[in-house]
Amino acid sequence: MRTLTLEDRRKIELMWRRNDSTVKIAAALEISQCTVYTELKRGQETDGVGDVVLDENFRPAYSAERGQAVYQRNLRNRGRRPKRETEQKEAKQA
């Protein structure tokens, strides 16, 4: 399993704008169709209120840069969370 690069995300954005299907995008990048759907959801454009912005094909707009930024943010946030201060104090006293 490989992670998508920014270049992969740009290819998805270009093909999505050309109105290509998710099957065609997945075949071109040699990834699963589920991965394409997940990435399209990750990079969805929204307006200020939180509503989804539609592209010229009346499908949810996708941005490769937004997808990459969300991926990087999620990557930083994953992993074990540090203990809360009260738990740390109790552990030291015990």
Protein backbone atom coordinates (compact mmCIF):
# COMPACT_ATOMS: atom_id res chain seq x y z
CA MET A 1 0.00 0.00 0.00
CA ARG A 2 1.35 3.42 -0.91
CA THR A 3 0.29 6.88 0.10
CA LEU A 4 -0.78 9.45 -2.44
CA THR A 5 1.66 12.21 -3.26
CA LEU A 6 0.81 15.78 -4.14
CA GLU A 7 1.49 14.89 -7.78
CA ASP A 8 -1.06 12.04 -7.56
CA ARG A 9 -3.56 14.42 -6.05
CA ARG A 10 -3.00 16.90 -8.88
CA LYS A 11 -3.67 14.13 -11.42
CA ILE A 12 -6.90 13.31 -9.60
CA GLU A 13 -7.87 16.99 -9.66
CA LEU A 14 -7.15 17.29 -13.39
CA MET A 15 -9.03 14.11 -14.29
CA TRP A 16 -11.96 15.03 -12.03
CA ARG A 17 -12.23 18.43 -13.75
CA ARG A 18 -12.20 16.68 -17.15
CA ASN A 19 -15.28 14.76 -15.91
CA ASP A 20 -13.50 11.40 -15.81
CA SER A 21 -15.10 8.65 -13.74
CA THR A 22 -13.64 7.36 -10.50
CA VAL A 23 -13.01 4.01 -12.19
CA LYS A 24 -10.92 5.69 -14.88
CA ILE A 25 -8.99 7.75 -12.30
CA ALA A 26 -8.29 4.64 -10.21
CA ALA A 27 -7.06 2.72 -13.25
CA ALA A 28 -4.79 5.56 -14.38
CA LEU A 29 -3.15 5.90 -10.95
CA GLU A 30 -3.22 2.15 -10.21
CA ILE A 31 -5.09 2.63 -6.94
CA SER A 32 -8.42 1.33 -5.72
CA GLN A 33 -11.66 3.10 -6.50
CA CYS A 34 -12.30 3.37 -2.75
CA THR A 35 -9.05 5.36 -2.40
CA VAL A 36 -10.23 7.77 -5.08
CA TYR A 37 -13.55 8.30 -3.30
CA THR A 38 -11.76 8.84 0.02
CA GLU A 39 -9.40 11.37 -1.56
CA LEU A 40 -12.25 13.23 -3.28
CA LYS A 41 -13.96 13.54 0.09
CA ARG A 42 -10.72 14.70 1.76
CA GLY A 43 -10.10 17.46 -0.78
CA GLN A 44 -13.68 18.71 -1.14
CA GLU A 45 -13.99 22.45 -1.53
CA THR A 46 -16.38 24.20 0.85
CA ASP A 47 -17.59 27.76 1.11
CA GLY A 48 -17.47 29.87 4.27
CA VAL A 49 -20.63 28.32 5.71
CA GLY A 50 -19.45 24.73 5.20
CA ASP A 51 -21.57 23.92 2.16
CA VAL A 52 -19.94 21.90 -0.62
CA VAL A 53 -18.93 23.90 -3.71
CA LEU A 54 -19.84 22.33 -7.06
CA ASP A 55 -17.54 22.40 -10.10
CA GLU A 56 -18.52 23.04 -13.73
CA ASN A 57 -19.70 19.41 -14.03
CA PHE A 58 -22.05 19.90 -11.03
CA ARG A 59 -19.98 17.52 -8.91
CA PRO A 60 -18.27 18.41 -5.61
CA ALA A 61 -15.17 20.46 -6.43
CA TYR A 62 -11.81 18.87 -5.51
CA SER A 63 -8.58 20.66 -4.65
CA ALA A 64 -5.28 18.76 -4.57
CA GLU A 65 -3.70 21.33 -2.25
CA ARG A 66 -6.58 21.05 0.22
CA GLY A 67 -6.38 17.26 0.09
CA GLN A 68 -2.65 17.38 0.81
CA ALA A 69 -3.14 19.85 3.68
CA VAL A 70 -5.87 17.74 5.30
CA TYR A 71 -3.71 14.62 4.89
CA GLN A 72 -0.73 16.35 6.55
CA ARG A 73 -2.92 17.62 9.42
CA ASN A 74 -4.37 14.15 10.01
CA LEU A 75 -0.88 12.66 9.90
CA ARG A 76 0.30 15.04 12.65
CA ASN A 77 -2.77 14.33 14.80
CA ARG A 78 -2.57 10.54 14.77
CA GLY A 79 -0.82 8.48 17.38
CA ARG A 80 -0.97 8.16 21.14
CA ARG A 81 -2.24 11.17 23.02
CA PRO A 82 -0.23 12.39 26.02
CA LYS A 83 -1.73 11.88 29.46
CA ARG A 84 -3.62 14.72 31.04
CA GLU A 85 -1.82 16.69 33.76
CA THR A 86 -3.94 15.25 36.60
CA GLU A 87 -3.18 11.70 35.52
CA GLN A 88 0.54 12.54 35.36
CA LYS A 89 0.49 13.99 38.90
CA GLU A 90 -1.35 10.94 40.25
CA ALA A 91 1.14 8.62 38.56
CA LYS A 92 4.08 10.48 40.15
CA GLN A 93 2.53 10.36 43.63
CA ALA A 94 1.80 6.62 43.47
